[in-house]
PDB file of N, CA and C in Angstrom:
ATOM      1  N   MET A   1      23.384  43.818 -32.757  1.00  0.00           N
ATOM      2  CA  MET A   1      22.308  44.525 -33.555  1.00  0.00           C
ATOM      3  C   MET A   1      20.883  44.665 -33.110  1.00  0.00           C
ATOM      4  N   PRO A   2      20.736  45.398 -32.030  1.00  0.00           N
ATOM      5  CA  PRO A   2      19.248  45.480 -31.509  1.00  0.00           C
ATOM      6  C   PRO A   2      18.232  45.564 -32.721  1.00  0.00           C
ATOM      7  N   ASN A   3      18.479  46.476 -33.657  1.00  0.00           N
ATOM      8  CA  ASN A   3      17.452  46.685 -34.729  1.00  0.00           C
ATOM      9  C   ASN A   3      17.543  45.997 -35.893  1.00  0.00           C
ATOM     10  N   SER A   4      18.623  45.040 -36.248  1.00  0.00           N
ATOM     11  CA  SER A   4      18.443  44.258 -37.036  1.00  0.00           C
ATOM     12  C   SER A   4      17.133  43.768 -37.535  1.00  0.00           C
ATOM     13  N   VAL A   5      17.007  43.441 -38.732  1.00  0.00           N
ATOM     14  CA  VAL A   5      15.987  42.663 -39.220  1.00  0.00           C
ATOM     15  C   VAL A   5      15.546  41.007 -39.068  1.00  0.00           C
ATOM     16  N   ASN A   6      16.905  40.940 -37.955  1.00  0.00           N
ATOM     17  CA  ASN A   6      17.297  39.365 -37.837  1.00  0.00           C
ATOM     18  C   ASN A   6      17.020  39.433 -36.586  1.00  0.00           C
ATOM     19  N   SER A   7      17.368  40.142 -35.554  1.00  0.00           N
ATOM     20  CA  SER A   7      17.679  40.103 -34.028  1.00  0.00           C
ATOM     21  C   SER A   7      16.368  39.165 -33.354  1.00  0.00           C
ATOM     22  N   PRO A   8      16.854  38.546 -32.389  1.00  0.00           N
ATOM     23  CA  PRO A   8      16.420  38.022 -31.588  1.00  0.00           C
ATOM     24  C   PRO A   8      15.000  38.704 -31.037  1.00  0.00           C
ATOM     25  N   ALA A   9      15.076  40.091 -30.573  1.00  0.00           N
ATOM     26  CA  ALA A   9      13.940  40.938 -30.440  1.00  0.00           C
ATOM     27  C   ALA A   9      12.903  41.076 -31.248  1.00  0.00           C
ATOM     28  N   VAL A  10      13.265  41.263 -32.523  1.00  0.00           N
ATOM     29  CA  VAL A  10      13.025  41.602 -33.769  1.00  0.00           C
ATOM     30  C   VAL A  10      11.726  40.289 -34.388  1.00  0.00           C
ATOM     31  N   LYS A  11      13.058  39.016 -34.181  1.00  0.00           N
ATOM     32  CA  LYS A  11      11.976  37.696 -34.205  1.00  0.00           C
ATOM     33  C   LYS A  11      10.867  37.224 -33.227  1.00  0.00           C
ATOM     34  N   GLN A  12      11.070  37.649 -32.250  1.00  0.00           N
ATOM     35  CA  GLN A  12      10.155  37.502 -31.123  1.00  0.00           C
ATOM     36  C   GLN A  12       8.985  38.449 -31.176  1.00  0.00           C
ATOM     37  N   THR A  13       8.965  39.729 -32.054  1.00  0.00           N
ATOM     38  CA  THR A  13       8.341  40.454 -32.477  1.00  0.00           C
ATOM     39  C   THR A  13       7.127  40.003 -33.467  1.00  0.00           C
ATOM     40  N   PHE A  14       7.812  39.336 -34.290  1.00  0.00           N
ATOM     41  CA  PHE A  14       7.446  39.145 -35.450  1.00  0.00           C
ATOM     42  C   PHE A  14       6.381  37.601 -35.018  1.00  0.00           C
ATOM     43  N   ASP A  15       7.226  36.900 -34.278  1.00  0.00           N
ATOM     44  CA  ASP A  15       6.230  35.553 -34.042  1.00  0.00           C
ATOM     45  C   ASP A  15       5.177  36.078 -33.418  1.00  0.00           C
ATOM     46  N   TYR A  16       5.228  36.722 -32.302  1.00  0.00           N
ATOM     47  CA  TYR A  16       4.110  37.503 -31.820  1.00  0.00           C
ATOM     48  C   TYR A  16       3.000  37.750 -32.733  1.00  0.00           C
ATOM     49  N   PHE A  17       3.202  38.281 -33.716  1.00  0.00           N
ATOM     50  CA  PHE A  17       2.422  39.329 -34.773  1.00  0.00           C
ATOM     51  C   PHE A  17       1.502  38.115 -35.294  1.00  0.00           C
ATOM     52  N   VAL A  18       2.745  37.253 -35.658  1.00  0.00           N
ATOM     53  CA  VAL A  18       2.141  36.016 -36.303  1.00  0.00           C
ATOM     54  C   VAL A  18       0.712  35.470 -35.592  1.00  0.00           C
ATOM     55  N   ASP A  19       1.565  34.830 -34.604  1.00  0.00           N
ATOM     56  CA  ASP A  19       0.304  34.251 -33.817  1.00  0.00           C
ATOM     57  C   ASP A  19      -0.727  34.833 -33.452  1.00  0.00           C
ATOM     58  N   ALA A  20      -0.707  36.498 -33.295  1.00  0.00           N
ATOM     59  CA  ALA A  20      -1.929  36.971 -32.612  1.00  0.00           C
ATOM     60  C   ALA A  20      -2.856  37.045 -34.156  1.00  0.00           C
ATOM     61  N   ILE A  21      -2.063  37.466 -35.325  1.00  0.00           N
ATOM     62  CA  ILE A  21      -3.179  37.125 -36.467  1.00  0.00           C
ATOM     63  C   ILE A  21      -3.885  36.035 -36.546  1.00  0.00           C
ATOM     64  N   GLN A  22      -2.928  35.089 -36.285  1.00  0.00           N
ATOM     65  CA  GLN A  22      -3.278  33.929 -36.927  1.00  0.00           C
ATOM     66  C   GLN A  22      -4.516  33.205 -36.066  1.00  0.00           C
ATOM     67  N   THR A  23      -4.501  33.481 -34.661  1.00  0.00           N
ATOM     68  CA  THR A  23      -5.426  33.817 -33.550  1.00  0.00           C
ATOM     69  C   THR A  23      -6.669  34.254 -33.630  1.00  0.00           C
ATOM     70  N   GLU A  24      -6.717  35.666 -34.441  1.00  0.00           N
ATOM     71  CA  GLU A  24      -7.540  36.226 -35.065  1.00  0.00           C
ATOM     72  C   GLU A  24      -8.705  35.600 -36.039  1.00  0.00           C
ATOM     73  N   LEU A  25      -7.800  34.934 -37.187  1.00  0.00           N
ATOM     74  CA  LEU A  25      -8.300  34.296 -38.033  1.00  0.00           C
ATOM     75  C   LEU A  25      -9.058  32.987 -37.973  1.00  0.00           C
ATOM     76  N   ASP A  26      -8.257  32.616 -36.659  1.00  0.00           N
ATOM     77  CA  ASP A  26      -9.069  31.048 -36.240  1.00  0.00           C
ATOM     78  C   ASP A  26     -10.467  31.252 -35.630  1.00  0.00           C
ATOM     79  N   LYS A  27     -10.498  32.578 -34.965  1.00  0.00           N
ATOM     80  CA  LYS A  27     -11.840  33.102 -34.427  1.00  0.00           C
ATOM     81  C   LYS A  27     -13.016  33.158 -35.466  1.00  0.00           C
ATOM     82  N   VAL A  28     -12.707  33.455 -36.413  1.00  0.00           N
ATOM     83  CA  VAL A  28     -13.448  33.884 -37.541  1.00  0.00           C
ATOM     84  C   VAL A  28     -13.927  32.082 -37.981  1.00  0.00           C
ATOM     85  N   VAL A  29     -13.656  31.180 -38.055  1.00  0.00           N
ATOM     86  CA  VAL A  29     -14.157  30.047 -37.754  1.00  0.00           C
ATOM     87  C   VAL A  29     -15.266  29.773 -37.097  1.00  0.00           C
ATOM     88  N   GLN A  30     -15.164  29.819 -35.878  1.00  0.00           N
ATOM     89  CA  GLN A  30     -16.219  29.544 -34.575  1.00  0.00           C
ATOM     90  C   GLN A  30     -17.344  30.883 -34.492  1.00  0.00           C
ATOM     91  N   HIS A  31     -17.158  31.900 -35.312  1.00  0.00           N
ATOM     92  CA  HIS A  31     -18.412  33.052 -34.712  1.00  0.00           C
ATOM     93  C   HIS A  31     -18.011  34.042 -36.282  1.00  0.00           C
ATOM     94  N   GLY A  32     -17.443  33.521 -37.343  1.00  0.00           N
ATOM     95  CA  GLY A  32     -18.190  34.187 -38.107  1.00  0.00           C
ATOM     96  C   GLY A  32     -19.166  33.971 -39.465  1.00  0.00           C
ATOM     97  N   SER A  33     -19.726  35.162 -40.267  1.00  0.00           N
ATOM     98  CA  SER A  33     -20.501  34.760 -41.219  1.00  0.00           C
ATOM     99  C   SER A  33     -20.015  33.976 -42.207  1.00  0.00           C
ATOM    100  N   ASP A  34     -20.891  33.335 -43.116  1.00  0.00           N
ATOM    101  CA  ASP A  34     -20.336  32.307 -44.287  1.00  0.00           C
ATOM    102  C   ASP A  34     -19.126  33.140 -45.119  1.00  0.00           C
ATOM    103  N   GLN A  35     -19.725  34.890 -45.241  1.00  0.00           N
ATOM    104  CA  GLN A  35     -18.650  35.287 -45.884  1.00  0.00           C
ATOM    105  C   GLN A  35     -17.659  35.942 -44.979  1.00  0.00           C
ATOM    106  N   GLN A  36     -17.284  35.863 -44.320  1.00  0.00           N
ATOM    107  CA  GLN A  36     -16.609  36.384 -43.133  1.00  0.00           C
ATOM    108  C   GLN A  36     -15.687  35.029 -43.187  1.00  0.00           C
ATOM    109  N   LEU A  37     -16.303  33.869 -43.056  1.00  0.00           N
ATOM    110  CA  LEU A  37     -15.295  32.695 -42.987  1.00  0.00           C
ATOM    111  C   LEU A  37     -13.909  32.579 -44.652  1.00  0.00           C
ATOM    112  N   PHE A  38     -15.484  32.706 -45.721  1.00  0.00           N
ATOM    113  CA  PHE A  38     -14.574  32.790 -46.799  1.00  0.00           C
ATOM    114  C   PHE A  38     -13.341  33.893 -46.956  1.00  0.00           C
ATOM    115  N   ILE A  39     -13.628  34.856 -46.461  1.00  0.00           N
ATOM    116  CA  ILE A  39     -12.364  36.173 -46.685  1.00  0.00           C
ATOM    117  C   ILE A  39     -11.265  35.586 -45.484  1.00  0.00           C
ATOM    118  N   ALA A  40     -11.645  35.206 -44.545  1.00  0.00           N
ATOM    119  CA  ALA A  40     -10.620  34.951 -43.817  1.00  0.00           C
ATOM    120  C   ALA A  40      -9.845  33.901 -44.160  1.00  0.00           C
ATOM    121  N   SER A  41     -10.394  32.682 -44.780  1.00  0.00           N
ATOM    122  CA  SER A  41      -9.862  31.476 -45.250  1.00  0.00           C
ATOM    123  C   SER A  41      -8.764  31.864 -46.124  1.00  0.00           C
ATOM    124  N   TYR A  42      -9.704  32.645 -47.270  1.00  0.00           N
ATOM    125  CA  TYR A  42      -8.535  33.215 -48.121  1.00  0.00           C
ATOM    126  C   TYR A  42      -7.606  34.041 -47.880  1.00  0.00           C
ATOM    127  N   LEU A  43      -7.434  34.643 -47.093  1.00  0.00           N
ATOM    128  CA  LEU A  43      -6.285  35.650 -46.505  1.00  0.00           C
ATOM    129  C   LEU A  43      -5.613  34.279 -45.332  1.00  0.00           C
ATOM    130  N   THR A  44      -5.737  33.428 -44.958  1.00  0.00           N
ATOM    131  CA  THR A  44      -5.330  32.892 -44.524  1.00  0.00           C
ATOM    132  C   THR A  44      -4.452  31.895 -45.151  1.00  0.00           C
ATOM    133  N   GLY A  45      -4.887  31.280 -46.303  1.00  0.00           N
ATOM    134  CA  GLY A  45      -4.071  30.756 -47.423  1.00  0.00           C
ATOM    135  C   GLY A  45      -2.615  31.789 -47.767  1.00  0.00           C
ATOM    136  N   HIS A  46      -2.905  32.865 -47.860  1.00  0.00           N
ATOM    137  CA  HIS A  46      -1.566  33.583 -47.905  1.00  0.00           C
ATOM    138  C   HIS A  46      -0.570  34.257 -46.603  1.00  0.00           C
ATOM    139  N   PHE A  47      -1.682  33.951 -45.911  1.00  0.00           N
ATOM    140  CA  PHE A  47      -0.756  34.253 -44.481  1.00  0.00           C
ATOM    141  C   PHE A  47       0.001  33.501 -43.838  1.00  0.00           C
ATOM    142  N   SER A  48      -0.664  32.050 -44.410  1.00  0.00           N
ATOM    143  CA  SER A  48       0.457  30.874 -43.997  1.00  0.00           C
ATOM    144  C   SER A  48       1.673  30.579 -44.418  1.00  0.00           C
ATOM    145  N   LEU A  49       2.060  31.061 -45.215  1.00  0.00           N
ATOM    146  CA  LEU A  49       3.047  31.452 -45.864  1.00  0.00           C
ATOM    147  C   LEU A  49       4.355  32.572 -45.427  1.00  0.00           C
ATOM    148  N   LEU A  50       3.983  33.389 -44.740  1.00  0.00           N
ATOM    149  CA  LEU A  50       4.348  34.710 -44.253  1.00  0.00           C
ATOM    150  C   LEU A  50       5.603  34.362 -43.350  1.00  0.00           C
ATOM    151  N   HIS A  51       5.660  33.262 -42.491  1.00  0.00           N
ATOM    152  CA  HIS A  51       6.626  32.797 -41.655  1.00  0.00           C
ATOM    153  C   HIS A  51       7.592  32.287 -42.065  1.00  0.00           C
ATOM    154  N   SER A  52       7.445  31.423 -43.205  1.00  0.00           N
ATOM    155  CA  SER A  52       8.526  31.230 -44.257  1.00  0.00           C
ATOM    156  C   SER A  52       9.070  31.870 -44.888  1.00  0.00           C
ATOM    157  N   GLN A  53       8.352  32.995 -45.029  1.00  0.00           N
ATOM    158  CA  GLN A  53       8.809  33.955 -46.005  1.00  0.00           C
ATOM    159  C   GLN A  53      10.097  34.859 -45.370  1.00  0.00           C
ATOM    160  N   GLY A  54       9.588  35.005 -44.033  1.00  0.00           N
ATOM    161  CA  GLY A  54      10.378  35.849 -43.007  1.00  0.00           C
ATOM    162  C   GLY A  54      11.737  34.765 -42.910  1.00  0.00           C
ATOM    163  N   LYS A  55      11.986  33.425 -42.645  1.00  0.00           N
ATOM    164  CA  LYS A  55      12.767  32.739 -42.470  1.00  0.00           C
ATOM    165  C   LYS A  55      13.857  32.767 -43.777  1.00  0.00           C
ATOM    166  N   SER A  56      13.055  32.403 -44.789  1.00  0.00           N
ATOM    167  CA  SER A  56      14.050  32.503 -46.059  1.00  0.00           C
ATOM    168  C   SER A  56      14.840  33.753 -46.508  1.00  0.00           C
ATOM    169  N   ASN A  57      13.928  35.261 -46.263  1.00  0.00           N
ATOM    170  CA  ASN A  57      14.560  35.976 -46.413  1.00  0.00           C
ATOM    171  C   ASN A  57      15.959  36.367 -45.276  1.00  0.00           C
ATOM    172  N   ASP A  58      15.061  36.055 -44.157  1.00  0.00           N
ATOM    173  CA  ASP A  58      16.023  36.174 -42.881  1.00  0.00           C
ATOM    174  C   ASP A  58      15.787  37.675 -42.691  1.00  0.00           C
ATOM    175  N   ASP A  59      14.394  38.294 -42.634  1.00  0.00           N
ATOM    176  CA  ASP A  59      14.023  39.275 -42.715  1.00  0.00           C
ATOM    177  C   ASP A  59      12.511  39.567 -41.436  1.00  0.00           C
ATOM    178  N   TYR A  60      12.719  39.556 -40.655  1.00  0.00           N
ATOM    179  CA  TYR A  60      11.328  39.541 -39.468  1.00  0.00           C
ATOM    180  C   TYR A  60      10.598  40.759 -39.404  1.00  0.00           C
ATOM    181  N   SER A  61      11.058  41.813 -40.039  1.00  0.00           N
ATOM    182  CA  SER A  61      10.280  43.120 -39.605  1.00  0.00           C
ATOM    183  C   SER A  61       8.925  43.121 -39.961  1.00  0.00           C
ATOM    184  N   LEU A  62       7.872  43.670 -39.501  1.00  0.00           N
ATOM    185  CA  LEU A  62       7.057  44.002 -39.692  1.00  0.00           C
ATOM    186  C   LEU A  62       6.285  44.500 -41.150  1.00  0.00           C
ATOM    187  N   GLN A  63       7.402  45.364 -41.464  1.00  0.00           N
ATOM    188  CA  GLN A  63       7.143  45.969 -42.661  1.00  0.00           C
ATOM    189  C   GLN A  63       7.501  45.185 -43.772  1.00  0.00           C
ATOM    190  N   ALA A  64       8.337  44.117 -43.734  1.00  0.00           N
ATOM    191  CA  ALA A  64       8.676  43.059 -44.527  1.00  0.00           C
ATOM    192  C   ALA A  64       7.471  42.449 -44.618  1.00  0.00           C
ATOM    193  N   ALA A  65       6.971  41.927 -43.535  1.00  0.00           N
ATOM    194  CA  ALA A  65       5.522  41.242 -43.437  1.00  0.00           C
ATOM    195  C   ALA A  65       4.702  41.890 -44.481  1.00  0.00           C
ATOM    196  N   ASP A  66       4.397  42.673 -44.008  1.00  0.00           N
ATOM    197  CA  ASP A  66       3.222  44.031 -44.924  1.00  0.00           C
ATOM    198  C   ASP A  66       3.809  43.591 -46.385  1.00  0.00           C
ATOM    199  N   ASP A  67       4.903  44.454 -46.665  1.00  0.00           N
ATOM    200  CA  ASP A  67       5.198  44.044 -48.049  1.00  0.00           C
ATOM    201  C   ASP A  67       4.809  42.733 -48.649  1.00  0.00           C
ATOM    202  N   TYR A  68       5.111  41.995 -48.117  1.00  0.00           N
ATOM    203  CA  TYR A  68       4.909  40.631 -48.856  1.00  0.00           C
ATOM    204  C   TYR A  68       3.530  40.081 -48.751  1.00  0.00           C
ATOM    205  N   MET A  69       2.955  40.346 -48.071  1.00  0.00           N
ATOM    206  CA  MET A  69       1.221  40.361 -47.757  1.00  0.00           C
ATOM    207  C   MET A  69       0.624  41.303 -48.873  1.00  0.00           C
ATOM    208  N   VAL A  70       0.965  41.985 -49.290  1.00  0.00           N
ATOM    209  CA  VAL A  70       0.216  43.358 -50.217  1.00  0.00           C
ATOM    210  C   VAL A  70       0.617  42.982 -51.282  1.00  0.00           C
ATOM    211  N   SER A  71       2.149  42.530 -51.820  1.00  0.00           N
ATOM    212  CA  SER A  71       2.271  41.530 -52.971  1.00  0.00           C
ATOM    213  C   SER A  71       1.571  40.732 -53.546  1.00  0.00           C
ATOM    214  N   SER A  72       1.717  39.494 -52.242  1.00  0.00           N
ATOM    215  CA  SER A  72       0.877  37.978 -52.804  1.00  0.00           C
ATOM    216  C   SER A  72      -0.303  38.616 -53.004  1.00  0.00           C
ATOM    217  N   LEU A  73      -1.305  39.015 -52.279  1.00  0.00           N
ATOM    218  CA  LEU A  73      -2.610  39.415 -52.453  1.00  0.00           C
ATOM    219  C   LEU A  73      -2.704  40.202 -54.086  1.00  0.00           C
ATOM    220  N   ASN A  74      -1.951  41.106 -54.461  1.00  0.00           N
ATOM    221  CA  ASN A  74      -2.141  41.814 -55.473  1.00  0.00           C
ATOM    222  C   ASN A  74      -1.607  41.066 -56.452  1.00  0.00           C
ATOM    223  N   MET A  75      -0.623  40.237 -56.530  1.00  0.00           N
ATOM    224  CA  MET A  75      -0.541  39.218 -57.742  1.00  0.00           C
ATOM    225  C   MET A  75      -1.425  38.392 -57.831  1.00  0.00           C
ATOM    226  N   ALA A  76      -2.184  37.670 -56.839  1.00  0.00           N
ATOM    227  CA  ALA A  76      -3.637  36.919 -56.894  1.00  0.00           C
ATOM    228  C   ALA A  76      -4.794  37.811 -57.333  1.00  0.00           C
ATOM    229  N   PHE A  77      -4.888  38.728 -56.814  1.00  0.00           N
ATOM    230  CA  PHE A  77      -5.959  39.428 -57.503  1.00  0.00           C
ATOM    231  C   PHE A  77      -5.885  39.910 -58.971  1.00  0.00           C
ATOM    232  N   ALA A  78      -4.310  40.321 -59.473  1.00  0.00           N
ATOM    233  CA  ALA A  78      -4.417  40.267 -60.861  1.00  0.00           C
ATOM    234  C   ALA A  78      -4.452  39.111 -61.744  1.00  0.00           C
ATOM    235  N   ASN A  79      -4.658  38.153 -61.219  1.00  0.00           N
ATOM    236  CA  ASN A  79      -4.877  36.621 -61.864  1.00  0.00           C
ATOM    237  C   ASN A  79      -6.094  36.373 -61.721  1.00  0.00           C
ATOM    238  N   LYS A  80      -7.054  37.343 -61.190  1.00  0.00           N
ATOM    239  CA  LYS A  80      -8.585  37.390 -61.188  1.00  0.00           C
ATOM    240  C   LYS A  80      -8.952  36.305 -59.935  1.00  0.00           C
ATOM    241  N   GLU A  81      -8.124  35.955 -59.081  1.00  0.00           N
ATOM    242  CA  GLU A  81      -8.579  35.129 -58.089  1.00  0.00           C
ATOM    243  C   GLU A  81     -10.212  35.113 -57.306  1.00  0.00           C
ATOM    244  N   LEU A  82     -10.117  36.193 -57.095  1.00  0.00           N
ATOM    245  CA  LEU A  82     -11.446  36.582 -56.438  1.00  0.00           C
ATOM    246  C   LEU A  82     -12.324  37.413 -57.273  1.00  0.00           C
ATOM    247  N   ALA A  83     -13.341  37.794 -56.694  1.00  0.00           N
ATOM    248  CA  ALA A  83     -14.196  39.541 -57.516  1.00  0.00           C
ATOM    249  C   ALA A  83     -13.853  40.420 -56.878  1.00  0.00           C
ATOM    250  N   GLU A  84     -14.266  41.300 -57.564  1.00  0.00           N
ATOM    251  CA  GLU A  84     -13.407  42.881 -56.724  1.00  0.00           C
ATOM    252  C   GLU A  84     -13.865  43.265 -55.455  1.00  0.00           C
ATOM    253  N   ALA A  85     -15.131  42.557 -55.350  1.00  0.00           N
ATOM    254  CA  ALA A  85     -15.725  43.263 -54.010  1.00  0.00           C
ATOM    255  C   ALA A  85     -15.224  42.217 -52.795  1.00  0.00           C
ATOM    256  N   ASP A  86     -14.912  40.759 -53.217  1.00  0.00           N
ATOM    257  CA  ASP A  86     -14.087  39.780 -52.395  1.00  0.00           C
ATOM    258  C   ASP A  86     -12.724  40.274 -52.083  1.00  0.00           C
ATOM    259  N   GLN A  87     -12.096  40.662 -53.090  1.00  0.00           N
ATOM    260  CA  GLN A  87     -10.831  41.624 -52.841  1.00  0.00           C
ATOM    261  C   GLN A  87     -10.613  42.431 -52.340  1.00  0.00           C
ATOM    262  N   GLN A  88     -11.605  43.286 -52.220  1.00  0.00           N
ATOM    263  CA  GLN A  88     -11.507  44.280 -50.787  1.00  0.00           C
ATOM    264  C   GLN A  88     -11.727  44.333 -49.458  1.00  0.00           C
ATOM    265  N   GLN A  89     -12.390  43.144 -49.547  1.00  0.00           N
ATOM    266  CA  GLN A  89     -12.705  42.806 -48.084  1.00  0.00           C
ATOM    267  C   GLN A  89     -11.502  41.579 -47.730  1.00  0.00           C
ATOM    268  N   VAL A  90     -10.819  41.239 -48.661  1.00  0.00           N
ATOM    269  CA  VAL A  90      -9.845  40.666 -48.195  1.00  0.00           C
ATOM    270  C   VAL A  90      -8.186  41.377 -47.532  1.00  0.00           C
ATOM    271  N   LEU A  91      -8.595  42.560 -48.611  1.00  0.00           N
ATOM    272  CA  LEU A  91      -7.662  43.355 -48.480  1.00  0.00           C
ATOM    273  C   LEU A  91      -7.840  44.734 -47.096  1.00  0.00           C
ATOM    274  N   ALA A  92      -8.887  44.429 -46.913  1.00  0.00           N
ATOM    275  CA  ALA A  92      -9.250  45.436 -46.157  1.00  0.00           C
ATOM    276  C   ALA A  92      -9.081  44.742 -44.686  1.00  0.00           C
ATOM    277  N   LEU A  93      -9.192  43.405 -44.350  1.00  0.00           N
ATOM    278  CA  LEU A  93      -9.104  42.298 -43.118  1.00  0.00           C
ATOM    279  C   LEU A  93      -7.665  42.546 -43.395  1.00  0.00           C
ATOM    280  N   TRP A  94      -6.860  42.312 -44.173  1.00  0.00           N
ATOM    281  CA  TRP A  94      -5.261  42.370 -43.780  1.00  0.00           C
ATOM    282  C   TRP A  94      -5.043  43.686 -43.020  1.00  0.00           C
ATOM    283  N   GLN A  95      -5.756  44.711 -43.900  1.00  0.00           N
ATOM    284  CA  GLN A  95      -5.013  46.266 -43.276  1.00  0.00           C
ATOM    285  C   GLN A  95      -5.533  46.490 -41.885  1.00  0.00           C
ATOM    286  N   GLN A  96      -6.315  45.825 -41.501  1.00  0.00           N
ATOM    287  CA  GLN A  96      -6.989  45.781 -40.011  1.00  0.00           C
ATOM    288  C   GLN A  96      -6.260  45.184 -39.377  1.00  0.00           C
ATOM    289  N   LEU A  97      -6.031  43.733 -39.768  1.00  0.00           N
ATOM    290  CA  LEU A  97      -5.484  43.194 -38.653  1.00  0.00           C
ATOM    291  C   LEU A  97      -3.567  43.622 -38.371  1.00  0.00           C
ATOM    292  N   PHE A  98      -3.036  43.751 -39.741  1.00  0.00           N
ATOM    293  CA  PHE A  98      -1.990  44.703 -39.658  1.00  0.00           C
ATOM    294  C   PHE A  98      -1.910  45.883 -38.555  1.00  0.00           C
ATOM    295  N   ARG A  99      -2.575  46.531 -38.738  1.00  0.00           N
ATOM    296  CA  ARG A  99      -2.773  47.583 -37.934  1.00  0.00           C
ATOM    297  C   ARG A  99      -3.116  47.518 -36.229  1.00  0.00           C
ATOM    298  N   GLN A 100      -3.722  46.466 -36.002  1.00  0.00           N
ATOM    299  CA  GLN A 100      -3.937  46.207 -35.135  1.00  0.00           C
ATOM    300  C   GLN A 100      -2.902  45.504 -34.190  1.00  0.00           C
ATOM    301  N   TYR A 101      -2.056  45.009 -34.874  1.00  0.00           N
ATOM    302  CA  TYR A 101      -0.599  43.891 -33.946  1.00  0.00           C
ATOM    303  C   TYR A 101       0.227  44.689 -34.235  1.00  0.00           C
ATOM    304  N   ALA A 102       0.477  45.212 -35.529  1.00  0.00           N
ATOM    305  CA  ALA A 102       1.769  45.921 -36.012  1.00  0.00           C
ATOM    306  C   ALA A 102       2.344  46.644 -34.644  1.00  0.00           C
TER     307      ALA A 102
END
């Protein structure tokens, strides 16, 4: 099934997606401002669970990855983990990275 959410091709695309975004987040450590580092670090905390989520659900689709991240972030925001301005920056960074690599 080439279009299956757990086919080898979809898994390979998912792995590339995860690696590319992690590389971008890691670059912030070297080149970002303190605020950018804070935002990227916060997003990394949620993003680090993404791969294991794909494995546990046996769903490596990029749509599932986006759904998971948005849901995870929204739950954290509902718990007031970040100030609203920081929430907006975290979500904007995720959306930018997702559009860039999806």
